[in-house]
Amino acid sequence: MRTKSTKKNKINVVTLGCSKNVYDSEVLMGQLRANDKEVVHQEEGNIVVINTCGFIANAKEESVNTILDYVQQKEVGQVDKVFVTGCLSERYKPDLQKEIPNVDEYFGTSELPNLLKALGADYKHELIGERLTTTPKNYAYLKIAEGCDRPCSFCAIPIMRGKHRSTPIDELVAESEKLAAKGVKELILIAQDLTYYGLDLYKKRNLAELLRALVKVEGIEWIRLHYAFPTGFPMDVLEVMKQETKICNYLDIPLQHIADPILKSMRRGTTEAKTTKLLHEFRKAVPEMAIRTTLIVGYPGETEADFQTLKNWVEKMRFERLGCFTYSHEENTHAYSLKDDVPEEVKQERANEIMEIQSQISWELNQQKIGKIFRCIVDRKEGNYFVARTEFDSPDVDNEVLIDATQHYLKQGEFVDIKINDAADFDLYGSPLA
């Protein structure tokens, strides 16, 4: 027989999914801390809040399994309450309530005040920009907008996150100043679509103006751009990137595919010719820029010829960074009406082929770095290595610079000039300049 715990409540926030979810969890934790609640991130607590992802099949499965795991813990008395929030909950709340009724309450992506109330806390408006960061102290995500207005056929984000809503520049500057005061040196700008920033508030694409305001924040030394959409990309951003040393020569621009029939079906609003021209313009304007992209293989109707077009293009473009995903057939998206006709094993083979090509490209590009010196930021110590990054690398997804910790001592969060001595497909090995 279970007995109710009499100890002081400790709220454990569990985050699944992307950096946007990390940000949302940090905002939730900041609010709870301001309400004098004891809150931890992915540690032990008697009250659990699971911030779920509902983007593609694998992510949904992980979210459901995590919910079931904590519900089981609740049933045997290891935790007292389980709350679920985030994208999966937004998208499938009625189904989840029916299938997993032992969760205390489900909340959508825009129900933070209600979630706080269920946790015995009040939503504090004056806390805008206050967060309890969960990333290493030297970098933090800065979410500059919520939602998306793009009509991409395969994507369920508008269903879960709603229409695009930009955060005003002055609020983002204030938030960045608070982060800098806590020792954050690198801001990673995130949104469902950076390219669209400002259209709703300022009636124009205003990412360049936001960047000019953020570079003035004292203490911030790197600003990195994630998730830009290719159609309508504001080219004045490249000018700011060239002029301002704080803005990393780095751009994450998910392109998804390149074969024209697939781009058309995906409703991407672009073509192979336009995309290739845009990338050439990027490289002409900022020759040292590292471009990261993501691709989808196995989209409905993708023929062997379409895939060959994609493969040839990847070989030709030589992206510095690239990730490849297999298509996930998502209900309530436009593509769901199409037949998911590429067998799962073919999808996986195609993804593997793309990543093999990219491994070779990455290895060749990394070999060119041997003997060169790069300014790096130290993220952490792992085993016998300090793990650092160049300005051309984002945390968790890109290359890392490994420094032998038995030979050298470095501090987390400091910038160090590192000479590259050796290189593998996705890792660099170096030593700090004395």
Protein backbone atom coordinates (compact mmCIF):
# COMPACT_ATOMS: atom_id res chain seq x y z
CA MET A 1 0.00 0.00 0.00
CA ARG A 2 1.44 3.37 -1.00
CA THR A 3 1.83 6.18 1.49
CA LYS A 4 1.83 9.80 0.47
CA SER A 5 5.17 11.51 0.93
CA THR A 6 5.30 14.18 3.60
CA LYS A 7 8.62 15.62 2.45
CA LYS A 8 8.83 19.03 0.82
CA ASN A 9 7.89 18.83 -2.82
CA LYS A 10 10.75 18.73 -5.27
CA ILE A 11 9.76 19.30 -8.91
CA ASN A 12 11.75 17.39 -11.52
CA VAL A 13 11.48 18.88 -15.04
CA VAL A 14 12.28 16.31 -17.74
CA THR A 15 13.02 17.76 -21.21
CA LEU A 16 12.67 15.82 -24.45
CA GLY A 17 13.16 17.04 -28.02
CA CYS A 18 14.75 20.16 -29.46
CA SER A 19 16.44 23.30 -28.15
CA LYS A 20 13.08 25.14 -28.24
CA ASN A 21 11.87 22.68 -25.59
CA VAL A 22 15.05 23.21 -23.56
CA TYR A 23 14.27 26.93 -23.59
CA ASP A 24 10.63 26.38 -22.53
CA SER A 25 11.73 24.14 -19.66
CA GLU A 26 14.18 26.81 -18.51
CA VAL A 27 11.38 29.43 -18.48
CA LEU A 28 9.15 27.05 -16.47
CA MET A 29 11.97 26.39 -13.99
CA GLY A 30 12.68 30.12 -13.64
CA GLN A 31 9.01 30.73 -12.78
CA LEU A 32 8.97 27.88 -10.26
CA ARG A 33 12.16 29.09 -8.57
CA ALA A 34 10.65 32.60 -8.30
CA ASN A 35 7.67 30.98 -6.55
CA ASP A 36 10.12 29.47 -3.99
CA LYS A 37 9.62 25.98 -5.37
CA GLU A 38 12.46 23.49 -5.24
CA VAL A 39 13.10 22.54 -8.87
CA VAL A 40 15.66 20.27 -10.57
CA HIS A 41 16.31 19.28 -14.17
CA GLN A 42 16.30 15.56 -14.98
CA GLU A 43 17.17 14.54 -11.44
CA GLU A 44 15.04 12.97 -8.72
CA GLY A 45 11.89 14.68 -7.49
CA ASN A 46 8.53 13.59 -6.15
CA ILE A 47 6.63 15.73 -8.69
CA VAL A 48 7.53 15.22 -12.36
CA VAL A 49 6.84 17.56 -15.31
CA ILE A 50 7.61 15.96 -18.69
CA ASN A 51 8.13 18.45 -21.53
CA THR A 52 7.42 16.30 -24.57
CA CYS A 53 8.28 16.32 -28.28
CA GLY A 54 5.72 15.34 -30.93
CA PHE A 55 7.61 16.13 -34.12
CA ILE A 56 8.30 12.74 -35.74
CA ALA A 57 7.61 9.07 -34.93
CA ASN A 58 10.84 8.39 -32.97
CA ALA A 59 10.40 11.50 -30.82
CA LYS A 60 6.76 10.66 -30.10
CA GLU A 61 7.73 7.14 -29.10
CA GLU A 62 10.40 8.43 -26.72
CA SER A 63 7.89 10.86 -25.18
CA VAL A 64 5.23 8.17 -24.68
CA ASN A 65 7.77 5.75 -23.17
CA THR A 66 8.99 8.45 -20.77
CA ILE A 67 5.41 9.21 -19.67
CA LEU A 68 4.72 5.48 -19.13
CA ASP A 69 7.93 5.12 -17.13
CA TYR A 70 7.01 7.93 -14.72
CA VAL A 71 3.37 6.78 -14.47
CA GLN A 72 4.71 3.37 -13.41
CA GLN A 73 6.90 5.09 -10.79
CA LYS A 74 3.80 6.93 -9.58
CA GLU A 75 1.86 3.67 -9.28
CA VAL A 76 4.51 2.13 -7.01
CA GLY A 77 4.85 5.30 -4.93
CA GLN A 78 8.27 6.50 -6.14
CA VAL A 79 6.77 9.81 -7.32
CA ASP A 80 3.59 11.55 -6.21
CA LYS A 81 2.43 13.42 -9.31
CA VAL A 82 3.11 13.38 -13.06
CA PHE A 83 2.28 16.32 -15.34
CA VAL A 84 2.80 16.37 -19.11
CA THR A 85 3.33 19.46 -21.28
CA GLY A 86 4.88 20.34 -24.65
CA CYS A 87 4.28 19.39 -28.27
CA LEU A 88 3.02 15.82 -27.89
CA SER A 89 0.51 16.98 -25.28
CA GLU A 90 -0.58 19.89 -27.51
CA ARG A 91 -1.08 17.59 -30.49
CA TYR A 92 -2.61 14.49 -28.90
CA LYS A 93 -4.12 15.56 -25.58
CA PRO A 94 -7.50 13.73 -25.97
CA ASP A 95 -5.76 10.51 -27.09
CA LEU A 96 -3.22 10.71 -24.26
CA GLN A 97 -5.91 11.35 -21.63
CA LYS A 98 -7.72 8.25 -22.86
CA GLU A 99 -4.66 5.98 -23.26
CA ILE A 100 -2.63 7.12 -20.21
CA PRO A 101 -5.25 8.39 -17.72
CA ASN A 102 -2.94 8.08 -14.70
CA VAL A 103 -1.15 11.34 -15.60
CA ASP A 104 -2.42 14.06 -13.22
CA GLU A 105 -2.91 16.63 -15.97
CA TYR A 106 -1.92 17.37 -19.59
CA PHE A 107 -1.02 20.87 -20.83
CA GLY A 108 -0.38 22.29 -24.32
CA THR A 109 2.52 24.44 -25.49
CA SER A 110 0.86 27.76 -24.58
CA GLU A 111 -0.58 26.82 -21.18
CA LEU A 112 2.34 27.78 -18.91
CA PRO A 113 0.15 29.81 -16.46
CA ASN A 114 -2.22 26.82 -16.05
CA LEU A 115 0.67 24.40 -15.56
CA LEU A 116 2.18 26.68 -12.91
CA LYS A 117 -1.19 26.87 -11.14
CA ALA A 118 -1.35 23.04 -11.05
CA LEU A 119 2.11 23.11 -9.46
CA GLY A 120 0.97 25.60 -6.82
CA ALA A 121 2.73 28.58 -8.41
CA ASP A 122 1.67 31.88 -9.97
CA TYR A 123 2.77 33.11 -13.40
CA LYS A 124 4.92 36.21 -12.83
CA HIS A 125 4.82 38.64 -15.79
CA GLU A 126 7.73 40.63 -14.39
CA LEU A 127 9.98 37.58 -14.94
CA ILE A 128 10.15 37.99 -18.72
CA GLY A 129 13.63 36.95 -19.74
CA GLU A 130 14.37 35.17 -16.44
CA ARG A 131 15.29 31.53 -16.85
CA LEU A 132 17.00 28.76 -14.95
CA THR A 133 19.45 27.68 -17.65
CA THR A 134 20.22 23.97 -18.01
CA THR A 135 23.00 24.22 -20.60
CA PRO A 136 26.71 24.56 -19.68
CA LYS A 137 27.22 28.02 -18.17
CA ASN A 138 29.03 29.45 -21.21
CA TYR A 139 26.18 29.19 -23.74
CA ALA A 140 22.41 29.57 -23.77
CA TYR A 141 19.59 29.40 -26.27
CA LEU A 142 17.71 32.59 -27.08
CA LYS A 143 14.28 31.91 -28.59
CA ILE A 144 13.48 34.94 -30.75
CA ALA A 145 10.10 33.77 -32.07
CA GLU A 146 7.46 31.10 -31.55
CA GLY A 147 5.39 29.22 -34.13
CA CYS A 148 5.61 29.08 -37.91
CA ASP A 149 3.61 30.37 -40.90
CA ARG A 150 5.32 28.17 -43.51
CA PRO A 151 3.16 25.59 -45.35
CA CYS A 152 5.73 22.74 -45.55
CA SER A 153 3.79 19.58 -46.36
CA PHE A 154 5.67 17.22 -44.01
CA CYS A 155 5.77 19.40 -40.90
CA ALA A 156 3.43 19.36 -37.90
CA ILE A 157 5.03 22.30 -36.08
CA PRO A 158 2.28 24.85 -36.95
CA ILE A 159 -0.25 22.36 -35.47
CA MET A 160 1.72 22.23 -32.20
CA ARG A 161 3.19 25.73 -31.98
CA GLY A 162 0.71 27.92 -33.84
CA LYS A 163 1.36 30.98 -36.02
CA HIS A 164 4.68 32.85 -36.09
CA ARG A 165 5.06 35.36 -33.22
CA SER A 166 8.26 37.41 -32.91
CA THR A 167 9.57 38.56 -29.51
CA PRO A 168 10.30 42.33 -29.47
CA ILE A 169 13.96 43.38 -29.79
CA ASP A 170 14.02 45.23 -26.45
CA GLU A 171 12.82 42.10 -24.58
CA LEU A 172 15.47 39.94 -26.28
CA VAL A 173 18.20 42.46 -25.42
CA ALA A 174 17.06 42.54 -21.77
CA GLU A 175 17.05 38.73 -21.67
CA SER A 176 20.54 38.61 -23.21
CA GLU A 177 21.85 41.09 -20.64
CA LYS A 178 20.55 38.86 -17.83
CA LEU A 179 22.21 35.82 -19.41
CA ALA A 180 25.50 37.71 -19.84
CA ALA A 181 25.37 38.74 -16.17
CA LYS A 182 25.25 35.01 -15.28
CA GLY A 183 28.39 34.31 -17.31
CA VAL A 184 26.86 33.28 -20.64
CA LYS A 185 29.26 34.12 -23.49
CA GLU A 186 27.52 32.53 -26.47
CA LEU A 187 23.92 33.06 -27.58
CA ILE A 188 22.38 30.51 -29.90
CA LEU A 189 19.42 32.15 -31.64
CA ILE A 190 16.58 29.71 -32.21
CA ALA A 191 13.05 29.81 -33.63
CA GLN A 192 10.97 27.64 -35.89
CA ASP A 193 12.04 30.15 -38.56
CA LEU A 194 14.64 32.91 -37.98
CA THR A 195 14.14 34.22 -41.53
CA TYR A 196 10.61 35.41 -40.72
CA TYR A 197 11.70 37.34 -37.61
CA GLY A 198 10.05 40.75 -37.27
CA LEU A 199 7.50 40.52 -40.10
CA ASP A 200 4.59 40.45 -37.65
CA LEU A 201 5.93 43.16 -35.30
CA TYR A 202 7.88 45.49 -37.58
CA LYS A 203 6.28 44.71 -40.97
CA LYS A 204 9.68 43.71 -42.36
CA ARG A 205 12.25 40.96 -41.91
CA ASN A 206 14.23 42.38 -39.03
CA LEU A 207 16.84 39.77 -38.09
CA ALA A 208 19.73 42.08 -39.08
CA GLU A 209 18.47 44.83 -36.76
CA LEU A 210 18.09 42.35 -33.90
CA LEU A 211 21.69 41.19 -34.42
CA ARG A 212 22.96 44.78 -34.37
CA ALA A 213 21.22 45.26 -31.00
CA LEU A 214 22.51 41.97 -29.52
CA VAL A 215 26.17 42.55 -30.43
CA LYS A 216 26.11 45.56 -28.08
CA VAL A 217 25.39 43.35 -25.06
CA GLU A 218 28.52 43.36 -22.91
CA GLY A 219 29.88 39.92 -22.07
CA ILE A 220 28.37 38.16 -25.09
CA GLU A 221 31.20 37.15 -27.42
CA TRP A 222 29.55 34.76 -29.88
CA ILE A 223 26.09 34.88 -31.50
CA ARG A 224 25.06 31.86 -33.56
CA LEU A 225 22.13 31.51 -35.98
CA HIS A 226 20.00 28.35 -36.05
CA TYR A 227 17.02 27.35 -38.19
CA ALA A 228 16.87 29.88 -41.02
CA PHE A 229 14.43 29.16 -43.83
CA PRO A 230 15.87 29.52 -47.37
CA THR A 231 12.89 31.22 -49.04
CA GLY A 232 12.97 34.98 -48.45
CA PHE A 233 16.27 34.88 -46.53
CA PRO A 234 17.14 38.50 -45.50
CA MET A 235 20.47 39.08 -47.25
CA ASP A 236 21.30 42.10 -45.02
CA VAL A 237 22.08 39.50 -42.32
CA LEU A 238 25.21 38.57 -44.29
CA GLU A 239 26.39 42.19 -44.14
CA VAL A 240 26.05 42.19 -40.34
CA MET A 241 27.84 38.83 -40.16
CA LYS A 242 30.76 40.31 -42.11
CA GLN A 243 30.91 43.54 -40.08
CA GLU A 244 30.41 42.16 -36.56
CA THR A 245 33.06 39.81 -35.20
CA LYS A 246 30.69 38.60 -32.47
CA ILE A 247 28.41 36.94 -35.02
CA CYS A 248 29.76 33.48 -35.78
CA ASN A 249 30.47 32.68 -39.41
CA TYR A 250 27.87 29.95 -39.17
CA LEU A 251 24.37 29.39 -40.47
CA ASP A 252 21.96 26.53 -39.88
CA ILE A 253 19.62 26.42 -42.88
CA PRO A 254 17.52 23.24 -43.19
CA LEU A 255 17.07 22.63 -46.94
CA GLN A 256 15.30 19.22 -46.71
CA HIS A 257 15.76 18.19 -50.37
CA ILE A 258 16.94 19.49 -53.75
CA ALA A 259 15.07 17.54 -56.48
CA ASP A 260 12.48 19.92 -57.93
CA PRO A 261 9.53 17.46 -57.91
CA ILE A 262 10.14 16.77 -54.19
CA LEU A 263 10.63 20.45 -53.31
CA LYS A 264 7.34 21.23 -55.06
CA SER A 265 5.47 18.47 -53.23
CA MET A 266 7.08 19.54 -49.94
CA ARG A 267 5.73 23.09 -50.62
CA ARG A 268 9.12 24.63 -49.94
CA GLY A 269 8.60 27.58 -52.31
CA THR A 270 11.98 27.14 -53.99
CA THR A 271 13.85 25.13 -56.65
CA GLU A 272 17.23 23.49 -57.05
CA ALA A 273 18.46 26.45 -59.12
CA LYS A 274 17.28 29.06 -56.59
CA THR A 275 18.68 27.14 -53.61
CA THR A 276 22.07 26.59 -55.26
CA LYS A 277 22.22 30.30 -56.22
CA LEU A 278 21.42 31.30 -52.63
CA LEU A 279 24.22 29.11 -51.23
CA HIS A 280 26.71 30.53 -53.75
CA GLU A 281 25.66 34.03 -52.63
CA PHE A 282 26.27 33.05 -48.98
CA ARG A 283 29.76 31.78 -49.78
CA LYS A 284 30.60 34.78 -51.93
CA ALA A 285 29.48 37.24 -49.22
CA VAL A 286 31.05 35.35 -46.27
CA PRO A 287 33.64 32.91 -47.73
CA GLU A 288 34.61 31.49 -44.32
CA MET A 289 31.00 30.67 -43.35
CA ALA A 290 30.22 27.13 -42.15
CA ILE A 291 26.82 26.07 -43.49
CA ARG A 292 24.86 23.41 -41.63
CA THR A 293 21.84 21.82 -43.27
CA THR A 294 19.43 18.94 -42.72
CA LEU A 295 17.87 16.71 -45.36
CA ILE A 296 14.90 14.33 -45.51
CA VAL A 297 15.05 11.12 -47.56
CA GLY A 298 12.19 8.76 -48.37
CA TYR A 299 9.55 11.47 -48.79
CA PRO A 300 6.41 10.15 -50.61
CA GLY A 301 7.12 9.74 -54.31
CA GLU A 302 10.90 10.12 -53.97
CA THR A 303 12.24 8.13 -56.94
CA GLU A 304 15.71 6.69 -57.35
CA ALA A 305 16.35 9.57 -59.81
CA ASP A 306 15.29 12.15 -57.18
CA PHE A 307 17.63 10.54 -54.67
CA GLN A 308 20.52 10.50 -57.17
CA THR A 309 19.91 14.23 -57.77
CA LEU A 310 20.16 14.80 -54.01
CA LYS A 311 23.31 12.66 -53.68
CA ASN A 312 25.08 14.41 -56.56
CA TRP A 313 24.17 17.79 -55.13
CA VAL A 314 25.48 16.92 -51.64
CA GLU A 315 28.78 15.81 -53.23
CA LYS A 316 28.97 19.06 -55.22
CA MET A 317 27.98 21.51 -52.46
CA ARG A 318 30.37 20.11 -49.82
CA PHE A 319 28.46 21.33 -46.78
CA GLU A 320 30.59 21.85 -43.68
CA ARG A 321 27.86 20.25 -41.55
CA LEU A 322 24.94 18.04 -42.56
CA GLY A 323 22.36 15.81 -40.90
CA CYS A 324 19.98 13.43 -42.68
CA PHE A 325 16.62 12.09 -41.48
CA THR A 326 14.21 9.52 -42.85
CA TYR A 327 10.72 10.83 -43.68
CA SER A 328 8.10 10.37 -40.96
CA HIS A 329 4.44 10.19 -42.11
CA GLU A 330 2.64 12.61 -39.77
CA GLU A 331 -1.14 12.81 -39.48
CA ASN A 332 -2.83 16.19 -40.07
CA THR A 333 0.02 17.33 -42.34
CA HIS A 334 -0.52 17.97 -46.05
CA ALA A 335 1.85 15.09 -46.98
CA TYR A 336 -0.27 12.65 -44.96
CA SER A 337 -2.70 12.52 -47.89
CA LEU A 338 0.14 11.12 -50.04
CA LYS A 339 1.08 7.45 -50.05
CA ASP A 340 4.08 6.75 -47.81
CA ASP A 341 5.49 4.61 -50.61
CA VAL A 342 9.24 4.41 -49.92
CA PRO A 343 9.92 1.25 -47.86
CA GLU A 344 11.48 1.84 -44.44
CA GLU A 345 14.66 -0.09 -45.29
CA VAL A 346 15.11 2.00 -48.49
CA LYS A 347 14.69 5.20 -46.46
CA GLN A 348 17.38 4.02 -44.04
CA GLU A 349 19.74 2.94 -46.85
CA ARG A 350 19.38 6.36 -48.48
CA ALA A 351 20.04 8.19 -45.20
CA ASN A 352 23.13 6.04 -44.64
CA GLU A 353 24.40 6.77 -48.16
CA ILE A 354 24.05 10.52 -47.65
CA MET A 355 25.84 10.36 -44.30
CA GLU A 356 28.67 8.28 -45.79
CA ILE A 357 29.22 10.97 -48.42
CA GLN A 358 29.12 13.64 -45.70
CA SER A 359 31.60 11.73 -43.50
CA GLN A 360 34.12 11.79 -46.32
CA ILE A 361 33.52 15.49 -47.01
CA SER A 362 33.82 16.29 -43.29
CA TRP A 363 37.05 14.25 -43.04
CA GLU A 364 38.57 16.08 -46.04
CA LEU A 365 37.57 19.51 -44.69
CA ASN A 366 38.95 18.58 -41.26
CA GLN A 367 42.31 17.49 -42.72
CA GLN A 368 42.72 21.03 -44.06
CA LYS A 369 42.54 22.33 -40.49
CA ILE A 370 45.61 20.43 -39.26
CA GLY A 371 48.36 22.88 -38.30
CA LYS A 372 45.92 25.82 -38.12
CA ILE A 373 44.99 27.79 -35.00
CA PHE A 374 41.36 28.35 -33.98
CA ARG A 375 39.80 30.36 -31.19
CA CYS A 376 37.70 27.83 -29.27
CA ILE A 377 35.32 27.88 -26.33
CA VAL A 378 35.68 25.13 -23.71
CA ASP A 379 32.31 23.42 -23.01
CA ARG A 380 33.20 20.64 -20.56
CA LYS A 381 35.61 17.95 -19.43
CA GLU A 382 34.79 14.41 -20.48
CA GLY A 383 37.04 11.53 -19.43
CA ASN A 384 40.62 12.44 -20.32
CA TYR A 385 39.64 15.28 -22.64
CA PHE A 386 38.54 18.87 -22.45
CA VAL A 387 35.84 19.34 -25.10
CA ALA A 388 35.89 22.64 -26.97
CA ARG A 389 34.30 24.12 -30.12
CA THR A 390 35.30 26.52 -32.88
CA GLU A 391 32.95 29.29 -34.02
CA PHE A 392 32.02 26.94 -36.90
CA ASP A 393 30.45 24.39 -34.55
CA SER A 394 27.26 24.33 -32.52
CA PRO A 395 26.92 22.26 -29.32
CA ASP A 396 25.65 18.67 -29.54
CA VAL A 397 25.30 18.56 -33.34
CA ASP A 398 28.67 19.58 -34.80
CA ASN A 399 32.40 18.81 -34.60
CA GLU A 400 34.26 19.01 -31.31
CA VAL A 401 37.85 19.89 -30.52
CA LEU A 402 39.38 17.43 -28.03
CA ILE A 403 42.32 18.51 -25.85
CA ASP A 404 44.27 15.98 -23.76
CA ALA A 405 43.39 16.74 -20.13
CA THR A 406 46.36 14.75 -18.84
CA GLN A 407 48.68 17.25 -20.58
CA HIS A 408 46.78 20.54 -20.32
CA TYR A 409 44.46 22.31 -17.89
CA LEU A 410 41.61 24.44 -19.25
CA LYS A 411 38.61 26.13 -17.60
CA GLN A 412 35.04 25.57 -18.73
CA GLY A 413 33.64 28.64 -20.46
CA GLU A 414 36.95 30.23 -21.37
CA PHE A 415 38.13 31.06 -24.87
CA VAL A 416 41.44 29.46 -25.84
CA ASP A 417 43.56 29.48 -29.00
CA ILE A 418 43.96 25.85 -30.03
CA LYS A 419 46.38 24.47 -32.61
CA ILE A 420 44.89 21.48 -34.46
CA ASN A 421 47.28 18.50 -34.46
CA ASP A 422 45.06 15.78 -35.89
CA ALA A 423 41.57 15.30 -37.31
CA ALA A 424 38.99 12.52 -37.77
CA ASP A 425 35.60 12.58 -39.57
CA PHE A 426 33.84 14.66 -36.93
CA ASP A 427 36.47 15.42 -34.26
CA LEU A 428 39.55 17.60 -34.14
CA TYR A 429 42.47 17.05 -31.75
CA GLY A 430 44.51 20.01 -30.59
CA SER A 431 46.65 21.65 -27.96
CA PRO A 432 46.37 25.14 -26.48
CA LEU A 433 48.97 27.73 -27.39
CA ALA A 434 51.12 28.41 -24.35
